[in-house]
């Protein structure tokens, strides 16, 4: 009986950690000027995580496989929100519009 319990716990642990993660990256630019935007917030509300674009407008984040809502927010610009499906390493370049 003890072996069965240990086996089940081991199987649950392996399954929980076997979910693949992939890299989402891209560059965020101003829609009008095509200049790179520094410090844009890239948020994943359903995952409770996010990242910020660097001095080149570049961002990268590791995400679990699946469909997630992503929000791009930046002061003085309209928020862009969309659903993305991650099943491989993905590049998502974005242009934000001034509000």
C-alpha atoms as a PDB file:
ATOM      1  CA  UNK A   1       0.000   0.000   0.000  1.00  0.00           C
ATOM      2  CA  UNK A   2       2.837   2.410   0.838  1.00  0.00           C
ATOM      3  CA  UNK A   3       4.432   1.779  -2.560  1.00  0.00           C
ATOM      4  CA  UNK A   4       1.148   2.575  -4.274  1.00  0.00           C
ATOM      5  CA  UNK A   5       0.844   5.902  -2.433  1.00  0.00           C
ATOM      6  CA  UNK A   6       4.456   6.827  -3.224  1.00  0.00           C
ATOM      7  CA  UNK A   7       3.912   5.875  -6.876  1.00  0.00           C
ATOM      8  CA  UNK A   8       0.792   8.004  -7.172  1.00  0.00           C
ATOM      9  CA  UNK A   9       2.491  10.995  -5.528  1.00  0.00           C
ATOM     10  CA  UNK A  10       5.489  10.620  -7.840  1.00  0.00           C
ATOM     11  CA  UNK A  11       3.223  10.478 -10.898  1.00  0.00           C
ATOM     12  CA  UNK A  12       1.340  13.612  -9.801  1.00  0.00           C
ATOM     13  CA  UNK A  13       4.617  15.469  -9.235  1.00  0.00           C
ATOM     14  CA  UNK A  14       6.033  14.483 -12.625  1.00  0.00           C
ATOM     15  CA  UNK A  15       2.799  15.469 -14.398  1.00  0.00           C
ATOM     16  CA  UNK A  16       2.675  18.841 -12.655  1.00  0.00           C
ATOM     17  CA  UNK A  17       6.205  19.724 -13.733  1.00  0.00           C
ATOM     18  CA  UNK A  18       5.977  18.309 -17.241  1.00  0.00           C
ATOM     19  CA  UNK A  19       3.988  21.211 -18.707  1.00  0.00           C
ATOM     20  CA  UNK A  20       6.148  22.820 -21.342  1.00  0.00           C
ATOM     21  CA  UNK A  21       7.065  26.482 -21.330  1.00  0.00           C
ATOM     22  CA  UNK A  22       7.944  28.559 -24.357  1.00  0.00           C
ATOM     23  CA  UNK A  23       9.465  31.971 -24.992  1.00  0.00           C
ATOM     24  CA  UNK A  24       7.336  34.879 -26.170  1.00  0.00           C
ATOM     25  CA  UNK A  25       9.331  37.878 -27.367  1.00  0.00           C
ATOM     26  CA  UNK A  26       9.042  40.889 -29.610  1.00  0.00           C
ATOM     27  CA  UNK A  27       9.568  44.608 -30.097  1.00  0.00           C
ATOM     28  CA  UNK A  28       7.081  47.323 -29.194  1.00  0.00           C
ATOM     29  CA  UNK A  29       6.966  50.476 -31.331  1.00  0.00           C
ATOM     30  CA  UNK A  30       4.974  53.680 -31.632  1.00  0.00           C
ATOM     31  CA  UNK A  31       2.410  53.208 -34.413  1.00  0.00           C
ATOM     32  CA  UNK A  32       2.941  56.683 -35.870  1.00  0.00           C
ATOM     33  CA  UNK A  33       6.696  57.168 -35.601  1.00  0.00           C
ATOM     34  CA  UNK A  34       7.831  53.500 -35.451  1.00  0.00           C
ATOM     35  CA  UNK A  35      10.170  54.467 -32.582  1.00  0.00           C
ATOM     36  CA  UNK A  36      10.870  51.763 -30.014  1.00  0.00           C
ATOM     37  CA  UNK A  37       8.935  52.231 -26.766  1.00  0.00           C
ATOM     38  CA  UNK A  38      10.893  51.834 -23.527  1.00  0.00           C
ATOM     39  CA  UNK A  39       9.201  50.576 -20.358  1.00  0.00           C
ATOM     40  CA  UNK A  40       5.978  49.191 -21.839  1.00  0.00           C
ATOM     41  CA  UNK A  41       4.152  46.870 -19.421  1.00  0.00           C
ATOM     42  CA  UNK A  42       3.368  43.437 -20.870  1.00  0.00           C
ATOM     43  CA  UNK A  43       0.860  41.783 -18.533  1.00  0.00           C
ATOM     44  CA  UNK A  44      -0.698  38.320 -18.363  1.00  0.00           C
ATOM     45  CA  UNK A  45      -3.611  38.735 -15.914  1.00  0.00           C
ATOM     46  CA  UNK A  46      -4.627  35.064 -15.938  1.00  0.00           C
ATOM     47  CA  UNK A  47      -1.081  34.020 -14.999  1.00  0.00           C
ATOM     48  CA  UNK A  48      -0.385  36.875 -12.578  1.00  0.00           C
ATOM     49  CA  UNK A  49       2.882  37.714 -14.315  1.00  0.00           C
ATOM     50  CA  UNK A  50       4.375  40.117 -16.799  1.00  0.00           C
ATOM     51  CA  UNK A  51       7.472  41.912 -17.987  1.00  0.00           C
ATOM     52  CA  UNK A  52       8.647  45.310 -19.259  1.00  0.00           C
ATOM     53  CA  UNK A  53      10.221  46.297 -22.573  1.00  0.00           C
ATOM     54  CA  UNK A  54      13.888  47.330 -22.420  1.00  0.00           C
ATOM     55  CA  UNK A  55      15.728  50.343 -23.896  1.00  0.00           C
ATOM     56  CA  UNK A  56      15.329  48.856 -27.399  1.00  0.00           C
ATOM     57  CA  UNK A  57      11.599  48.191 -27.009  1.00  0.00           C
ATOM     58  CA  UNK A  58      12.386  44.458 -26.755  1.00  0.00           C
ATOM     59  CA  UNK A  59      10.674  42.100 -24.317  1.00  0.00           C
ATOM     60  CA  UNK A  60      10.893  38.386 -23.570  1.00  0.00           C
ATOM     61  CA  UNK A  61       9.043  36.115 -21.164  1.00  0.00           C
ATOM     62  CA  UNK A  62       8.668  32.360 -20.578  1.00  0.00           C
ATOM     63  CA  UNK A  63       5.043  31.171 -20.581  1.00  0.00           C
ATOM     64  CA  UNK A  64       3.314  27.833 -20.161  1.00  0.00           C
ATOM     65  CA  UNK A  65       1.738  26.261 -23.208  1.00  0.00           C
ATOM     66  CA  UNK A  66      -1.857  27.346 -23.785  1.00  0.00           C
ATOM     67  CA  UNK A  67      -4.061  30.320 -24.605  1.00  0.00           C
ATOM     68  CA  UNK A  68      -3.446  33.472 -22.562  1.00  0.00           C
ATOM     69  CA  UNK A  69      -4.668  37.078 -22.538  1.00  0.00           C
ATOM     70  CA  UNK A  70      -1.849  39.596 -22.976  1.00  0.00           C
ATOM     71  CA  UNK A  71      -2.152  43.325 -22.302  1.00  0.00           C
ATOM     72  CA  UNK A  72       0.304  45.988 -23.471  1.00  0.00           C
ATOM     73  CA  UNK A  73      -0.009  49.167 -21.398  1.00  0.00           C
ATOM     74  CA  UNK A  74       2.000  52.384 -21.655  1.00  0.00           C
ATOM     75  CA  UNK A  75       1.306  55.873 -20.308  1.00  0.00           C
ATOM     76  CA  UNK A  76      -0.182  58.098 -23.026  1.00  0.00           C
ATOM     77  CA  UNK A  77      -1.038  55.149 -25.296  1.00  0.00           C
ATOM     78  CA  UNK A  78      -4.135  53.033 -25.825  1.00  0.00           C
ATOM     79  CA  UNK A  79      -4.012  49.658 -24.087  1.00  0.00           C
ATOM     80  CA  UNK A  80      -3.802  46.731 -26.472  1.00  0.00           C
ATOM     81  CA  UNK A  81      -5.332  43.467 -25.269  1.00  0.00           C
ATOM     82  CA  UNK A  82      -5.481  40.203 -27.190  1.00  0.00           C
ATOM     83  CA  UNK A  83      -5.498  36.446 -26.755  1.00  0.00           C
ATOM     84  CA  UNK A  84      -2.489  34.472 -27.897  1.00  0.00           C
ATOM     85  CA  UNK A  85      -1.908  30.747 -28.114  1.00  0.00           C
ATOM     86  CA  UNK A  86       1.536  29.551 -27.114  1.00  0.00           C
ATOM     87  CA  UNK A  87       2.577  26.132 -28.438  1.00  0.00           C
ATOM     88  CA  UNK A  88       6.117  27.004 -29.537  1.00  0.00           C
ATOM     89  CA  UNK A  89       8.617  29.854 -29.177  1.00  0.00           C
ATOM     90  CA  UNK A  90       6.763  32.876 -30.590  1.00  0.00           C
ATOM     91  CA  UNK A  91       7.562  36.421 -31.717  1.00  0.00           C
ATOM     92  CA  UNK A  92       4.839  39.044 -31.266  1.00  0.00           C
ATOM     93  CA  UNK A  93       5.807  42.541 -32.450  1.00  0.00           C
ATOM     94  CA  UNK A  94       3.345  45.270 -31.457  1.00  0.00           C
ATOM     95  CA  UNK A  95       2.665  48.879 -32.435  1.00  0.00           C
ATOM     96  CA  UNK A  96       0.831  50.992 -29.868  1.00  0.00           C
ATOM     97  CA  UNK A  97      -1.318  53.989 -30.755  1.00  0.00           C
ATOM     98  CA  UNK A  98      -1.083  57.281 -28.866  1.00  0.00           C
ATOM     99  CA  UNK A  99      -4.267  58.140 -26.996  1.00  0.00           C
END
